[in-house]
C-alpha atoms as a PDB file:
ATOM      1  CA  MET A   1      10.633 -14.657 -10.708  1.00  0.00           C
ATOM      2  CA  ARG A   2       9.486 -11.120 -11.508  1.00  0.00           C
ATOM      3  CA  THR A   3      10.956  -8.197  -9.604  1.00  0.00           C
ATOM      4  CA  ILE A   4       9.104  -5.108  -8.394  1.00  0.00           C
ATOM      5  CA  ASN A   5       9.885  -1.763  -9.992  1.00  0.00           C
ATOM      6  CA  PRO A   6      12.224   0.028  -7.515  1.00  0.00           C
ATOM      7  CA  GLY A   7      10.053   3.161  -7.408  1.00  0.00           C
ATOM      8  CA  LEU A   8       6.926   1.133  -6.678  1.00  0.00           C
ATOM      9  CA  PHE A   9       8.794  -0.878  -4.055  1.00  0.00           C
ATOM     10  CA  ALA A  10       9.849   2.330  -2.299  1.00  0.00           C
ATOM     11  CA  ARG A  11       6.235   3.566  -2.281  1.00  0.00           C
ATOM     12  CA  LEU A  12       5.021   0.203  -1.022  1.00  0.00           C
ATOM     13  CA  MET A  13       7.544   0.271   1.828  1.00  0.00           C
ATOM     14  CA  ARG A  14       6.154   3.623   3.028  1.00  0.00           C
ATOM     15  CA  LEU A  15       2.797   1.986   3.791  1.00  0.00           C
ATOM     16  CA  PRO A  16       2.067   0.978   7.391  1.00  0.00           C
ATOM     17  CA  GLU A  17       3.300  -2.491   8.310  1.00  0.00           C
ATOM     18  CA  THR A  18      -0.069  -4.271   8.130  1.00  0.00           C
ATOM     19  CA  ALA A  19      -0.960  -2.839   4.712  1.00  0.00           C
ATOM     20  CA  ARG A  20       2.567  -3.469   3.443  1.00  0.00           C
ATOM     21  CA  THR A  21       2.513  -7.098   4.632  1.00  0.00           C
ATOM     22  CA  ASP A  22      -0.882  -7.758   3.017  1.00  0.00           C
ATOM     23  CA  LEU A  23       0.223  -6.286  -0.286  1.00  0.00           C
ATOM     24  CA  LEU A  24       3.562  -8.134  -0.298  1.00  0.00           C
ATOM     25  CA  GLU A  25       1.771 -11.438   0.385  1.00  0.00           C
ATOM     26  CA  PHE A  26      -0.625 -10.712  -2.476  1.00  0.00           C
ATOM     27  CA  LEU A  27       2.275  -9.885  -4.812  1.00  0.00           C
ATOM     28  CA  GLY A  28       3.982 -13.145  -3.900  1.00  0.00           C
ATOM     29  CA  ALA A  29       0.964 -15.115  -5.067  1.00  0.00           C
ATOM     30  CA  THR A  30      -0.342 -13.051  -7.974  1.00  0.00           C
ATOM     31  CA  PRO A  31       1.338 -11.658 -11.087  1.00  0.00           C
ATOM     32  CA  ILE A  32       0.439  -7.981 -11.439  1.00  0.00           C
ATOM     33  CA  ALA A  33       1.321  -5.182 -13.858  1.00  0.00           C
ATOM     34  CA  ASP A  34       3.177  -2.100 -12.621  1.00  0.00           C
ATOM     35  CA  ALA A  35       0.212   0.172 -13.383  1.00  0.00           C
ATOM     36  CA  GLN A  36      -2.140  -2.006 -11.347  1.00  0.00           C
ATOM     37  CA  LEU A  37       0.328  -2.193  -8.448  1.00  0.00           C
ATOM     38  CA  SER A  38       0.673   1.592  -8.505  1.00  0.00           C
ATOM     39  CA  SER A  39      -3.096   1.951  -8.332  1.00  0.00           C
ATOM     40  CA  MET A  40      -3.303  -0.514  -5.434  1.00  0.00           C
ATOM     41  CA  ILE A  41      -0.619   1.376  -3.504  1.00  0.00           C
ATOM     42  CA  ASP A  42      -2.484   4.656  -4.075  1.00  0.00           C
ATOM     43  CA  THR A  43      -5.746   3.110  -2.908  1.00  0.00           C
ATOM     44  CA  MET A  44      -4.175   1.598   0.212  1.00  0.00           C
ATOM     45  CA  ALA A  45      -2.362   4.841   1.071  1.00  0.00           C
ATOM     46  CA  GLU A  46      -5.600   6.783   0.674  1.00  0.00           C
ATOM     47  CA  LYS A  47      -7.505   4.291   2.823  1.00  0.00           C
ATOM     48  CA  VAL A  48      -4.852   4.392   5.552  1.00  0.00           C
ATOM     49  CA  GLY A  49      -4.869   8.200   5.475  1.00  0.00           C
ATOM     50  CA  THR A  50      -8.653   8.247   5.765  1.00  0.00           C
ATOM     51  CA  ASP A  51      -8.555   5.782   8.658  1.00  0.00           C
ATOM     52  CA  ARG A  52      -5.936   7.848  10.494  1.00  0.00           C
ATOM     53  CA  ARG A  53      -7.897  11.079  10.055  1.00  0.00           C
ATOM     54  CA  SER A  54     -11.113   9.512  11.346  1.00  0.00           C
ATOM     55  CA  ALA A  55      -9.296   8.010  14.359  1.00  0.00           C
ATOM     56  CA  ARG A  56      -8.077  11.395  15.607  1.00  0.00           C
ATOM     57  CA  PHE A  57      -9.968  12.804  18.510  1.00  0.00           C
ATOM     58  CA  GLU A  58     -11.556  16.184  18.065  1.00  0.00           C
ATOM     59  CA  PRO A  59     -11.257  18.667  20.944  1.00  0.00           C
ATOM     60  CA  ASN A  60     -14.432  19.277  22.942  1.00  0.00           C
END
């Protein structure tokens, strides 16, 4: 069993629950290098941030 780098794990745990769950399930089934995991976390965090910004209501 391969463990997750503690720094990457901390970053992963800061993601929203749905994104975090999806990524943890993927990691349980697929071996992945630290650099690739870091990139995936960055991409998911960026996507979540974009989704949150677009969901905000603008004042009239």
